[in-house]
C-alpha atoms as a PDB file:
ATOM      1  CA  MET A   1     147.733 238.553 -31.604  1.00  0.00           C
ATOM      2  CA  GLY A   2     150.177 235.849 -33.056  1.00  0.00           C
ATOM      3  CA  LEU A   3     151.661 236.069 -36.630  1.00  0.00           C
ATOM      4  CA  MET A   4     149.742 233.066 -37.639  1.00  0.00           C
ATOM      5  CA  GLU A   5     146.339 234.711 -36.764  1.00  0.00           C
ATOM      6  CA  PRO A   6     144.259 235.506 -40.106  1.00  0.00           C
ATOM      7  CA  LEU A   7     143.804 239.141 -39.051  1.00  0.00           C
ATOM      8  CA  HIS A   8     147.583 239.689 -38.507  1.00  0.00           C
ATOM      9  CA  PRO A   9     148.451 243.125 -40.299  1.00  0.00           C
ATOM     10  CA  LYS A  10     150.637 241.064 -42.640  1.00  0.00           C
ATOM     11  CA  PHE A  11     147.680 238.604 -43.861  1.00  0.00           C
ATOM     12  CA  LEU A  12     145.467 241.715 -44.157  1.00  0.00           C
ATOM     13  CA  ILE A  13     148.137 243.310 -46.496  1.00  0.00           C
ATOM     14  CA  PHE A  14     148.371 239.810 -48.408  1.00  0.00           C
ATOM     15  CA  TYR A  15     144.516 239.696 -48.625  1.00  0.00           C
ATOM     16  CA  ALA A  16     144.279 243.088 -50.167  1.00  0.00           C
ATOM     17  CA  TYR A  17     146.994 242.232 -52.634  1.00  0.00           C
ATOM     18  CA  LEU A  18     145.089 239.185 -53.594  1.00  0.00           C
ATOM     19  CA  LEU A  19     141.717 240.972 -54.041  1.00  0.00           C
ATOM     20  CA  SER A  20     143.521 243.511 -56.208  1.00  0.00           C
ATOM     21  CA  VAL A  21     144.937 240.847 -58.372  1.00  0.00           C
ATOM     22  CA  LEU A  22     141.698 239.184 -58.770  1.00  0.00           C
ATOM     23  CA  TYR A  23     139.946 242.712 -59.804  1.00  0.00           C
ATOM     24  CA  VAL A  24     142.441 243.290 -62.342  1.00  0.00           C
ATOM     25  CA  HIS A  25     142.201 239.805 -63.533  1.00  0.00           C
ATOM     26  CA  PHE A  26     138.423 240.016 -64.088  1.00  0.00           C
ATOM     27  CA  ARG A  27     137.705 243.587 -65.225  1.00  0.00           C
ATOM     28  CA  GLY A  28     138.298 242.708 -68.791  1.00  0.00           C
ATOM     29  CA  ARG A  29     136.978 240.209 -71.120  1.00  0.00           C
ATOM     30  CA  VAL A  30     140.189 239.031 -72.408  1.00  0.00           C
ATOM     31  CA  ARG A  31     142.440 237.439 -69.736  1.00  0.00           C
ATOM     32  CA  HIS A  32     145.485 235.434 -69.351  1.00  0.00           C
ATOM     33  CA  PRO A  33     145.283 232.188 -67.343  1.00  0.00           C
ATOM     34  CA  LEU A  34     144.712 233.082 -63.433  1.00  0.00           C
ATOM     35  CA  TYR A  35     147.965 231.544 -62.349  1.00  0.00           C
ATOM     36  CA  ARG A  36     150.262 233.917 -64.867  1.00  0.00           C
ATOM     37  CA  ASP A  37     148.143 236.938 -63.540  1.00  0.00           C
ATOM     38  CA  PHE A  38     149.363 236.065 -60.036  1.00  0.00           C
ATOM     39  CA  THR A  39     153.068 235.577 -61.356  1.00  0.00           C
ATOM     40  CA  ASP A  40     152.998 238.524 -63.698  1.00  0.00           C
ATOM     41  CA  TYR A  41     155.408 241.370 -62.376  1.00  0.00           C
ATOM     42  CA  CYS A  42     152.750 244.056 -63.666  1.00  0.00           C
ATOM     43  CA  ASN A  43     150.552 242.994 -60.823  1.00  0.00           C
ATOM     44  CA  LEU A  44     153.004 244.331 -58.084  1.00  0.00           C
ATOM     45  CA  PHE A  45     151.354 247.454 -59.174  1.00  0.00           C
ATOM     46  CA  ALA A  46     147.795 245.973 -58.591  1.00  0.00           C
ATOM     47  CA  PRO A  47     146.710 247.584 -55.073  1.00  0.00           C
ATOM     48  CA  TYR A  48     147.872 250.788 -56.399  1.00  0.00           C
ATOM     49  CA  ASN A  49     146.073 250.298 -59.693  1.00  0.00           C
ATOM     50  CA  ALA A  50     142.917 249.392 -57.984  1.00  0.00           C
ATOM     51  CA  LEU A  51     142.891 252.765 -56.289  1.00  0.00           C
ATOM     52  CA  VAL A  52     143.552 254.478 -59.342  1.00  0.00           C
ATOM     53  CA  TYR A  53     140.425 253.042 -60.984  1.00  0.00           C
ATOM     54  CA  PHE A  54     138.377 253.988 -58.077  1.00  0.00           C
ATOM     55  CA  PHE A  55     139.341 257.583 -58.257  1.00  0.00           C
ATOM     56  CA  SER A  56     139.499 257.799 -62.141  1.00  0.00           C
ATOM     57  CA  ALA A  57     137.473 260.583 -63.391  1.00  0.00           C
ATOM     58  CA  VAL A  58     137.067 259.218 -67.015  1.00  0.00           C
ATOM     59  CA  PRO A  59     135.292 255.768 -67.513  1.00  0.00           C
ATOM     60  CA  ASN A  60     137.269 252.572 -66.772  1.00  0.00           C
ATOM     61  CA  LYS A  61     137.061 250.905 -70.108  1.00  0.00           C
ATOM     62  CA  PRO A  62     139.369 249.617 -72.828  1.00  0.00           C
ATOM     63  CA  LEU A  63     138.844 252.639 -75.065  1.00  0.00           C
ATOM     64  CA  VAL A  64     138.509 256.052 -73.684  1.00  0.00           C
ATOM     65  CA  ASP A  65     136.616 258.973 -75.543  1.00  0.00           C
ATOM     66  CA  ILE A  66     139.308 261.421 -76.650  1.00  0.00           C
ATOM     67  CA  ALA A  67     137.003 264.176 -76.055  1.00  0.00           C
ATOM     68  CA  TYR A  68     138.132 263.720 -72.398  1.00  0.00           C
ATOM     69  CA  PHE A  69     141.310 265.274 -73.429  1.00  0.00           C
ATOM     70  CA  PRO A  70     140.901 268.424 -75.049  1.00  0.00           C
ATOM     71  CA  GLU A  71     144.498 269.530 -74.908  1.00  0.00           C
ATOM     72  CA  LEU A  72     145.341 266.461 -77.057  1.00  0.00           C
ATOM     73  CA  GLY A  73     143.457 268.328 -80.023  1.00  0.00           C
ATOM     74  CA  LYS A  74     146.810 270.498 -80.279  1.00  0.00           C
ATOM     75  CA  VAL A  75     148.881 267.421 -80.788  1.00  0.00           C
ATOM     76  CA  THR A  76     146.421 265.817 -83.232  1.00  0.00           C
ATOM     77  CA  ASP A  77     146.060 269.107 -85.248  1.00  0.00           C
ATOM     78  CA  ASN A  78     149.622 269.225 -85.804  1.00  0.00           C
ATOM     79  CA  TRP A  79     150.191 265.712 -86.970  1.00  0.00           C
ATOM     80  CA  GLU A  80     151.918 266.500 -90.292  1.00  0.00           C
ATOM     81  CA  THR A  81     154.659 268.581 -88.531  1.00  0.00           C
ATOM     82  CA  ILE A  82     155.070 265.674 -86.380  1.00  0.00           C
ATOM     83  CA  ARG A  83     155.233 263.235 -89.212  1.00  0.00           C
ATOM     84  CA  ASP A  84     157.836 265.068 -91.131  1.00  0.00           C
ATOM     85  CA  GLU A  85     160.149 264.919 -88.067  1.00  0.00           C
ATOM     86  CA  ALA A  86     159.323 261.382 -87.445  1.00  0.00           C
ATOM     87  CA  TRP A  87     159.960 260.770 -91.336  1.00  0.00           C
ATOM     88  CA  THR A  88     163.356 262.345 -91.119  1.00  0.00           C
ATOM     89  CA  LEU A  89     164.270 260.075 -88.008  1.00  0.00           C
ATOM     90  CA  TYR A  90     163.033 256.965 -89.850  1.00  0.00           C
ATOM     91  CA  LYS A  91     165.186 257.484 -93.015  1.00  0.00           C
ATOM     92  CA  ALA A  92     168.202 258.162 -90.997  1.00  0.00           C
ATOM     93  CA  GLY A  93     167.239 254.619 -89.029  1.00  0.00           C
ATOM     94  CA  LYS A  94     167.148 256.300 -85.759  1.00  0.00           C
ATOM     95  CA  ILE A  95     163.690 254.709 -84.815  1.00  0.00           C
ATOM     96  CA  ARG A  96     165.153 251.659 -83.929  1.00  0.00           C
ATOM     97  CA  PRO A  97     165.422 248.909 -81.059  1.00  0.00           C
ATOM     98  CA  SER A  98     167.907 249.532 -78.056  1.00  0.00           C
ATOM     99  CA  PRO A  99     171.349 247.885 -78.765  1.00  0.00           C
ATOM    100  CA  ARG A 100     171.603 247.535 -74.918  1.00  0.00           C
ATOM    101  CA  TYR A 101     169.402 245.955 -72.144  1.00  0.00           C
ATOM    102  CA  ASP A 102     168.478 249.020 -71.020  1.00  0.00           C
ATOM    103  CA  ASP A 103     164.824 249.689 -71.816  1.00  0.00           C
ATOM    104  CA  ALA A 104     162.930 247.423 -69.223  1.00  0.00           C
ATOM    105  CA  GLY A 105     159.436 248.566 -70.245  1.00  0.00           C
ATOM    106  CA  PHE A 106     159.930 247.676 -73.865  1.00  0.00           C
ATOM    107  CA  ASN A 107     162.620 245.117 -74.102  1.00  0.00           C
ATOM    108  CA  SER A 108     160.619 242.292 -74.953  1.00  0.00           C
ATOM    109  CA  PHE A 109     159.169 244.205 -78.113  1.00  0.00           C
ATOM    110  CA  PHE A 110     162.783 244.374 -79.719  1.00  0.00           C
ATOM    111  CA  LYS A 111     162.986 240.832 -80.859  1.00  0.00           C
ATOM    112  CA  ASN A 112     159.850 241.608 -83.387  1.00  0.00           C
ATOM    113  CA  GLY A 113     161.757 244.309 -84.836  1.00  0.00           C
ATOM    114  CA  TRP A 114     159.749 247.103 -82.730  1.00  0.00           C
ATOM    115  CA  GLY A 115     161.734 250.421 -82.478  1.00  0.00           C
ATOM    116  CA  ARG A 116     161.362 253.655 -80.912  1.00  0.00           C
ATOM    117  CA  PHE A 117     162.807 256.997 -80.419  1.00  0.00           C
ATOM    118  CA  TYR A 118     162.181 258.636 -77.190  1.00  0.00           C
ATOM    119  CA  LEU A 119     160.986 262.102 -76.788  1.00  0.00           C
ATOM    120  CA  ARG A 120     160.497 262.303 -72.948  1.00  0.00           C
ATOM    121  CA  TRP A 121     159.657 259.589 -70.381  1.00  0.00           C
ATOM    122  CA  TYR A 122     158.001 261.252 -67.388  1.00  0.00           C
ATOM    123  CA  ARG A 123     160.839 263.874 -66.796  1.00  0.00           C
ATOM    124  CA  ASP A 124     162.373 266.251 -69.148  1.00  0.00           C
ATOM    125  CA  PHE A 125     162.741 265.946 -72.975  1.00  0.00           C
ATOM    126  CA  LEU A 126     166.000 264.139 -74.095  1.00  0.00           C
ATOM    127  CA  PRO A 127     168.601 266.099 -75.388  1.00  0.00           C
ATOM    128  CA  SER A 128     168.731 264.082 -78.844  1.00  0.00           C
ATOM    129  CA  ALA A 129     164.901 264.713 -79.032  1.00  0.00           C
ATOM    130  CA  ARG A 130     165.402 268.475 -78.615  1.00  0.00           C
ATOM    131  CA  SER A 131     168.047 268.468 -81.221  1.00  0.00           C
ATOM    132  CA  GLU A 132     166.451 266.192 -83.749  1.00  0.00           C
ATOM    133  CA  CYS A 133     162.923 267.042 -83.488  1.00  0.00           C
ATOM    134  CA  PRO A 134     162.443 270.398 -82.101  1.00  0.00           C
ATOM    135  CA  LYS A 135     159.029 271.198 -83.487  1.00  0.00           C
ATOM    136  CA  THR A 136     157.410 268.061 -82.072  1.00  0.00           C
ATOM    137  CA  VAL A 137     159.276 268.793 -78.685  1.00  0.00           C
ATOM    138  CA  GLU A 138     157.664 272.337 -78.720  1.00  0.00           C
ATOM    139  CA  ILE A 139     154.178 270.948 -79.557  1.00  0.00           C
ATOM    140  CA  LEU A 140     154.466 268.310 -76.636  1.00  0.00           C
ATOM    141  CA  ALA A 141     155.687 270.912 -74.333  1.00  0.00           C
ATOM    142  CA  GLY A 142     152.665 272.850 -74.617  1.00  0.00           C
ATOM    143  CA  VAL A 143     150.423 269.955 -73.506  1.00  0.00           C
ATOM    144  CA  PRO A 144     151.183 269.182 -69.813  1.00  0.00           C
ATOM    145  CA  ILE A 145     149.295 266.080 -69.664  1.00  0.00           C
ATOM    146  CA  VAL A 146     151.668 264.335 -71.844  1.00  0.00           C
ATOM    147  CA  ARG A 147     154.054 262.655 -69.490  1.00  0.00           C
ATOM    148  CA  GLY A 148     155.989 260.411 -71.877  1.00  0.00           C
ATOM    149  CA  ALA A 149     156.254 260.238 -75.734  1.00  0.00           C
ATOM    150  CA  MET A 150     158.243 258.352 -78.458  1.00  0.00           C
ATOM    151  CA  PHE A 151     158.095 257.579 -81.951  1.00  0.00           C
ATOM    152  CA  ALA A 152     157.237 253.880 -82.263  1.00  0.00           C
ATOM    153  CA  LEU A 153     157.790 251.567 -85.417  1.00  0.00           C
ATOM    154  CA  LEU A 154     155.926 248.378 -86.078  1.00  0.00           C
ATOM    155  CA  PRO A 155     157.604 246.566 -88.933  1.00  0.00           C
ATOM    156  CA  PRO A 156     155.890 244.301 -91.489  1.00  0.00           C
ATOM    157  CA  GLY A 157     154.829 240.813 -90.233  1.00  0.00           C
ATOM    158  CA  ALA A 158     155.581 242.012 -86.675  1.00  0.00           C
ATOM    159  CA  LYS A 159     153.136 241.007 -83.617  1.00  0.00           C
ATOM    160  CA  LEU A 160     153.528 242.167 -80.196  1.00  0.00           C
ATOM    161  CA  GLY A 161     151.968 239.431 -77.944  1.00  0.00           C
ATOM    162  CA  LEU A 162     149.378 239.777 -75.511  1.00  0.00           C
ATOM    163  CA  HIS A 163     150.347 242.027 -72.360  1.00  0.00           C
ATOM    164  CA  ARG A 164     149.210 244.531 -70.085  1.00  0.00           C
ATOM    165  CA  ASP A 165     151.255 247.633 -68.696  1.00  0.00           C
ATOM    166  CA  PRO A 166     151.902 247.760 -65.085  1.00  0.00           C
ATOM    167  CA  TYR A 167     150.878 251.642 -64.267  1.00  0.00           C
ATOM    168  CA  ALA A 168     147.371 252.615 -64.311  1.00  0.00           C
ATOM    169  CA  GLY A 169     148.047 256.229 -63.480  1.00  0.00           C
ATOM    170  CA  SER A 170     148.417 257.147 -67.205  1.00  0.00           C
ATOM    171  CA  LEU A 171     146.399 256.160 -70.301  1.00  0.00           C
ATOM    172  CA  ARG A 172     147.853 255.717 -73.774  1.00  0.00           C
ATOM    173  CA  TYR A 173     147.537 258.103 -76.511  1.00  0.00           C
ATOM    174  CA  HIS A 174     148.414 257.012 -80.187  1.00  0.00           C
ATOM    175  CA  LEU A 175     148.610 259.236 -83.344  1.00  0.00           C
ATOM    176  CA  GLY A 176     148.915 257.533 -86.725  1.00  0.00           C
ATOM    177  CA  LEU A 177     151.758 259.292 -88.545  1.00  0.00           C
ATOM    178  CA  ILE A 178     152.937 256.905 -91.475  1.00  0.00           C
ATOM    179  CA  THR A 179     150.806 253.811 -91.355  1.00  0.00           C
ATOM    180  CA  PRO A 180     149.532 251.423 -93.997  1.00  0.00           C
ATOM    181  CA  ASN A 181     146.026 252.944 -93.296  1.00  0.00           C
ATOM    182  CA  SER A 182     144.804 249.096 -93.362  1.00  0.00           C
ATOM    183  CA  GLU A 183     142.809 247.112 -90.989  1.00  0.00           C
ATOM    184  CA  GLN A 184     145.727 244.435 -91.222  1.00  0.00           C
ATOM    185  CA  CYS A 185     147.659 246.994 -89.167  1.00  0.00           C
ATOM    186  CA  ARG A 186     145.939 247.017 -85.718  1.00  0.00           C
ATOM    187  CA  ILE A 187     146.007 247.015 -82.034  1.00  0.00           C
ATOM    188  CA  HIS A 188     143.636 244.938 -79.849  1.00  0.00           C
ATOM    189  CA  ILE A 189     142.608 246.291 -76.577  1.00  0.00           C
ATOM    190  CA  ASP A 190     140.639 243.746 -74.465  1.00  0.00           C
ATOM    191  CA  ASP A 191     138.071 242.628 -77.003  1.00  0.00           C
ATOM    192  CA  GLN A 192     138.060 245.573 -79.106  1.00  0.00           C
ATOM    193  CA  ALA A 193     140.147 246.387 -82.124  1.00  0.00           C
ATOM    194  CA  TYR A 194     141.482 249.623 -83.543  1.00  0.00           C
ATOM    195  CA  HIS A 195     143.525 250.249 -86.738  1.00  0.00           C
ATOM    196  CA  TRP A 196     145.909 253.213 -87.125  1.00  0.00           C
ATOM    197  CA  ARG A 197     145.218 255.647 -89.903  1.00  0.00           C
ATOM    198  CA  ASP A 198     147.438 258.781 -90.555  1.00  0.00           C
ATOM    199  CA  GLY A 199     146.292 261.844 -88.982  1.00  0.00           C
ATOM    200  CA  GLU A 200     143.815 260.052 -86.641  1.00  0.00           C
ATOM    201  CA  ALA A 201     144.496 259.439 -82.875  1.00  0.00           C
ATOM    202  CA  VAL A 202     143.112 257.024 -80.061  1.00  0.00           C
ATOM    203  CA  VAL A 203     143.209 256.794 -76.195  1.00  0.00           C
ATOM    204  CA  PHE A 204     143.172 253.698 -74.431  1.00  0.00           C
ATOM    205  CA  ASP A 205     143.972 252.166 -71.059  1.00  0.00           C
ATOM    206  CA  GLU A 206     147.152 250.161 -71.444  1.00  0.00           C
ATOM    207  CA  THR A 207     146.369 248.198 -68.248  1.00  0.00           C
ATOM    208  CA  TYR A 208     143.945 246.116 -70.032  1.00  0.00           C
ATOM    209  CA  LEU A 209     145.484 243.321 -72.153  1.00  0.00           C
ATOM    210  CA  HIS A 210     146.168 244.336 -75.407  1.00  0.00           C
ATOM    211  CA  GLN A 211     148.566 243.020 -78.345  1.00  0.00           C
ATOM    212  CA  ALA A 212     149.380 244.679 -81.885  1.00  0.00           C
ATOM    213  CA  VAL A 213     149.961 243.323 -85.202  1.00  0.00           C
ATOM    214  CA  ASN A 214     151.191 244.479 -88.852  1.00  0.00           C
ATOM    215  CA  ASP A 215     150.075 242.157 -91.308  1.00  0.00           C
ATOM    216  CA  THR A 216     150.909 244.354 -94.332  1.00  0.00           C
ATOM    217  CA  ASP A 217     154.007 245.005 -96.048  1.00  0.00           C
ATOM    218  CA  GLN A 218     154.697 248.524 -94.951  1.00  0.00           C
ATOM    219  CA  ASP A 219     156.264 250.000 -91.628  1.00  0.00           C
ATOM    220  CA  ARG A 220     153.772 251.607 -89.192  1.00  0.00           C
ATOM    221  CA  ILE A 221     154.871 254.527 -87.424  1.00  0.00           C
ATOM    222  CA  ILE A 222     153.205 256.483 -84.517  1.00  0.00           C
ATOM    223  CA  LEU A 223     153.657 259.090 -82.023  1.00  0.00           C
ATOM    224  CA  PHE A 224     152.863 256.966 -78.668  1.00  0.00           C
ATOM    225  CA  CYS A 225     152.157 259.152 -75.527  1.00  0.00           C
ATOM    226  CA  ASP A 226     151.590 258.498 -72.087  1.00  0.00           C
ATOM    227  CA  VAL A 227     148.796 261.114 -70.783  1.00  0.00           C
ATOM    228  CA  GLU A 228     148.108 261.923 -67.156  1.00  0.00           C
ATOM    229  CA  ARG A 229     144.966 259.819 -66.139  1.00  0.00           C
ATOM    230  CA  PRO A 230     142.300 262.419 -64.640  1.00  0.00           C
ATOM    231  CA  LEU A 231     141.545 261.714 -61.237  1.00  0.00           C
ATOM    232  CA  LYS A 232     138.704 262.910 -58.947  1.00  0.00           C
ATOM    233  CA  THR A 233     140.339 264.628 -56.041  1.00  0.00           C
ATOM    234  CA  PRO A 234     143.601 266.671 -55.574  1.00  0.00           C
ATOM    235  CA  VAL A 235     144.999 264.142 -53.179  1.00  0.00           C
ATOM    236  CA  ALA A 236     144.820 261.578 -55.756  1.00  0.00           C
ATOM    237  CA  ARG A 237     146.165 263.519 -58.396  1.00  0.00           C
ATOM    238  CA  ALA A 238     149.143 264.612 -56.184  1.00  0.00           C
ATOM    239  CA  ILE A 239     149.953 261.096 -55.177  1.00  0.00           C
ATOM    240  CA  ASN A 240     149.609 259.816 -58.798  1.00  0.00           C
ATOM    241  CA  ARG A 241     152.168 262.530 -60.007  1.00  0.00           C
ATOM    242  CA  MET A 242     154.627 261.614 -57.424  1.00  0.00           C
ATOM    243  CA  MET A 243     154.258 258.119 -58.366  1.00  0.00           C
ATOM    244  CA  ALA A 244     154.929 258.949 -61.959  1.00  0.00           C
ATOM    245  CA  TRP A 245     158.005 260.929 -60.989  1.00  0.00           C
ATOM    246  CA  ALA A 246     159.593 258.590 -58.575  1.00  0.00           C
ATOM    247  CA  VAL A 247     158.738 255.018 -60.068  1.00  0.00           C
ATOM    248  CA  VAL A 248     157.912 255.429 -63.829  1.00  0.00           C
ATOM    249  CA  GLY A 249     160.383 258.111 -64.501  1.00  0.00           C
ATOM    250  CA  ALA A 250     163.080 255.927 -63.031  1.00  0.00           C
ATOM    251  CA  ALA A 251     162.474 253.566 -65.856  1.00  0.00           C
ATOM    252  CA  ALA A 252     163.639 256.372 -68.329  1.00  0.00           C
ATOM    253  CA  SER A 253     165.721 255.130 -71.217  1.00  0.00           C
ATOM    254  CA  ARG A 254     167.829 256.798 -74.133  1.00  0.00           C
ATOM    255  CA  ASN A 255     168.334 257.298 -77.800  1.00  0.00           C
ATOM    256  CA  VAL A 256     172.108 257.797 -77.816  1.00  0.00           C
ATOM    257  CA  ALA A 257     174.947 256.512 -75.560  1.00  0.00           C
ATOM    258  CA  THR A 258     175.609 259.875 -73.961  1.00  0.00           C
ATOM    259  CA  GLU A 259     172.235 260.254 -72.532  1.00  0.00           C
ATOM    260  CA  PRO A 260     171.505 258.850 -68.819  1.00  0.00           C
ATOM    261  CA  VAL A 261     169.024 256.129 -68.010  1.00  0.00           C
ATOM    262  CA  GLY A 262     167.115 255.858 -64.816  1.00  0.00           C
ATOM    263  CA  TRP A 263     168.160 253.447 -62.015  1.00  0.00           C
ATOM    264  CA  ILE A 264     165.501 250.588 -63.040  1.00  0.00           C
ATOM    265  CA  ASN A 265     167.207 250.476 -66.246  1.00  0.00           C
ATOM    266  CA  ARG A 266     170.665 250.445 -64.755  1.00  0.00           C
ATOM    267  CA  VAL A 267     169.624 247.391 -62.687  1.00  0.00           C
ATOM    268  CA  PHE A 268     167.831 245.752 -65.552  1.00  0.00           C
ATOM    269  CA  ASP A 269     170.675 245.682 -67.542  1.00  0.00           C
ATOM    270  CA  ARG A 270     172.251 243.301 -65.099  1.00  0.00           C
ATOM    271  CA  VAL A 271     169.049 241.438 -64.117  1.00  0.00           C
ATOM    272  CA  TYR A 272     168.268 240.473 -67.608  1.00  0.00           C
ATOM    273  CA  ARG A 273     171.504 238.865 -68.318  1.00  0.00           C
ATOM    274  CA  PHE A 274     170.529 236.340 -65.283  1.00  0.00           C
ATOM    275  CA  ARG A 275     166.889 236.267 -66.848  1.00  0.00           C
ATOM    276  CA  LEU A 276     168.400 235.030 -70.278  1.00  0.00           C
ATOM    277  CA  GLY A 277     169.861 232.093 -68.669  1.00  0.00           C
ATOM    278  CA  ILE A 278     166.387 231.252 -67.012  1.00  0.00           C
ATOM    279  CA  LYS A 279     165.016 231.509 -70.246  1.00  0.00           C
ATOM    280  CA  ARG A 280     167.249 228.935 -71.752  1.00  0.00           C
ATOM    281  CA  ILE A 281     165.663 226.458 -69.060  1.00  0.00           C
ATOM    282  CA  LYS A 282     162.125 227.544 -70.289  1.00  0.00           C
ATOM    283  CA  ARG A 283     162.946 226.639 -73.811  1.00  0.00           C
ATOM    284  CA  TRP A 284     164.475 223.259 -72.692  1.00  0.00           C
ATOM    285  CA  ASN A 285     162.001 222.116 -70.326  1.00  0.00           C
ATOM    286  CA  ARG A 286     158.627 224.546 -69.573  1.00  0.00           C
ATOM    287  CA  LYS A 287     157.339 222.303 -66.951  1.00  0.00           C
ATOM    288  CA  LEU A 288     160.634 222.426 -65.266  1.00  0.00           C
ATOM    289  CA  TYR A 289     160.709 226.388 -65.562  1.00  0.00           C
ATOM    290  CA  TYR A 290     157.200 226.800 -64.037  1.00  0.00           C
ATOM    291  CA  ALA A 291     157.850 224.421 -61.391  1.00  0.00           C
ATOM    292  CA  LEU A 292     160.957 226.472 -60.302  1.00  0.00           C
ATOM    293  CA  LYS A 293     159.107 229.632 -60.838  1.00  0.00           C
ATOM    294  CA  THR A 294     156.180 228.350 -58.236  1.00  0.00           C
ATOM    295  CA  VAL A 295     158.879 227.275 -55.597  1.00  0.00           C
ATOM    296  CA  ALA A 296     160.585 230.515 -55.919  1.00  0.00           C
ATOM    297  CA  LEU A 297     157.149 232.613 -55.485  1.00  0.00           C
ATOM    298  CA  LEU A 298     156.136 230.104 -52.768  1.00  0.00           C
ATOM    299  CA  GLY A 299     159.507 230.856 -51.067  1.00  0.00           C
ATOM    300  CA  ILE A 300     159.123 234.455 -51.259  1.00  0.00           C
ATOM    301  CA  VAL A 301     155.417 234.150 -49.631  1.00  0.00           C
ATOM    302  CA  TYR A 302     156.931 231.961 -46.831  1.00  0.00           C
ATOM    303  CA  LEU A 303     159.707 234.470 -45.917  1.00  0.00           C
ATOM    304  CA  ILE A 304     157.445 237.543 -46.026  1.00  0.00           C
ATOM    305  CA  PHE A 305     154.522 235.789 -43.878  1.00  0.00           C
ATOM    306  CA  PHE A 306     155.711 232.983 -41.833  1.00  0.00           C
ATOM    307  CA  PHE A 307     159.669 233.408 -41.498  1.00  0.00           C
END
């Protein structure tokens, strides 16, 4: 069978990728333009995510009933203890943007004033977290389904644009700690809205398009956690845990300069400097930017399937 035949294995892989991207695109009611989804780096995970959705043991919808995660009750019940440690960090100015290009997952948020203090990211708890907020670390260590955690700050007037996270093997848990307690400080997940309140928690699927806004004059601080998505079979769970450790854990960032970062962020630091030059082209001429992006993508497809 020749390379150009439509049933060649390379093309079967390509078809599977296209179908996965289309499924991810159409699963929600709020969507980017189709072209953008095909060029979004998040969709590199689309084939894997489609399998995760198939094996998911909880409903595939934007907001997931927190009752599916009784273990999280321990976290929610201790919100005041967690809040007190977050408040101390906040007053010390330690919930902040990264001063370096070493946080690939959240780098685009920093320009809006968004800040974070990491507790863990799919591997062990950070040394700075153990020393600065030992009670919170102890609480989270007793809830094994929590894979990643941080304190997250959204300042007054800030808006995080419409985006989706790349990895479906987790779900997102938000616990209000120090919030405006107002509908003007909210997150939209697909076509559903939720506003944070002190001591209240929500679980949602971060692979739906979502955006956040703080239209108040107060800072918003939450406990932001990634929790393991329940899957139906032992094999699916084992594969997902390996994926989480090997890939998502490699995007670990740091709070202080003495802490290590994952290899993805070490590479990102170099790649992003190049990307800043590309963004200058986008600001200068958007049509040229998208034309160059299309040519680059078509070139990659050609090299993979026809070269």
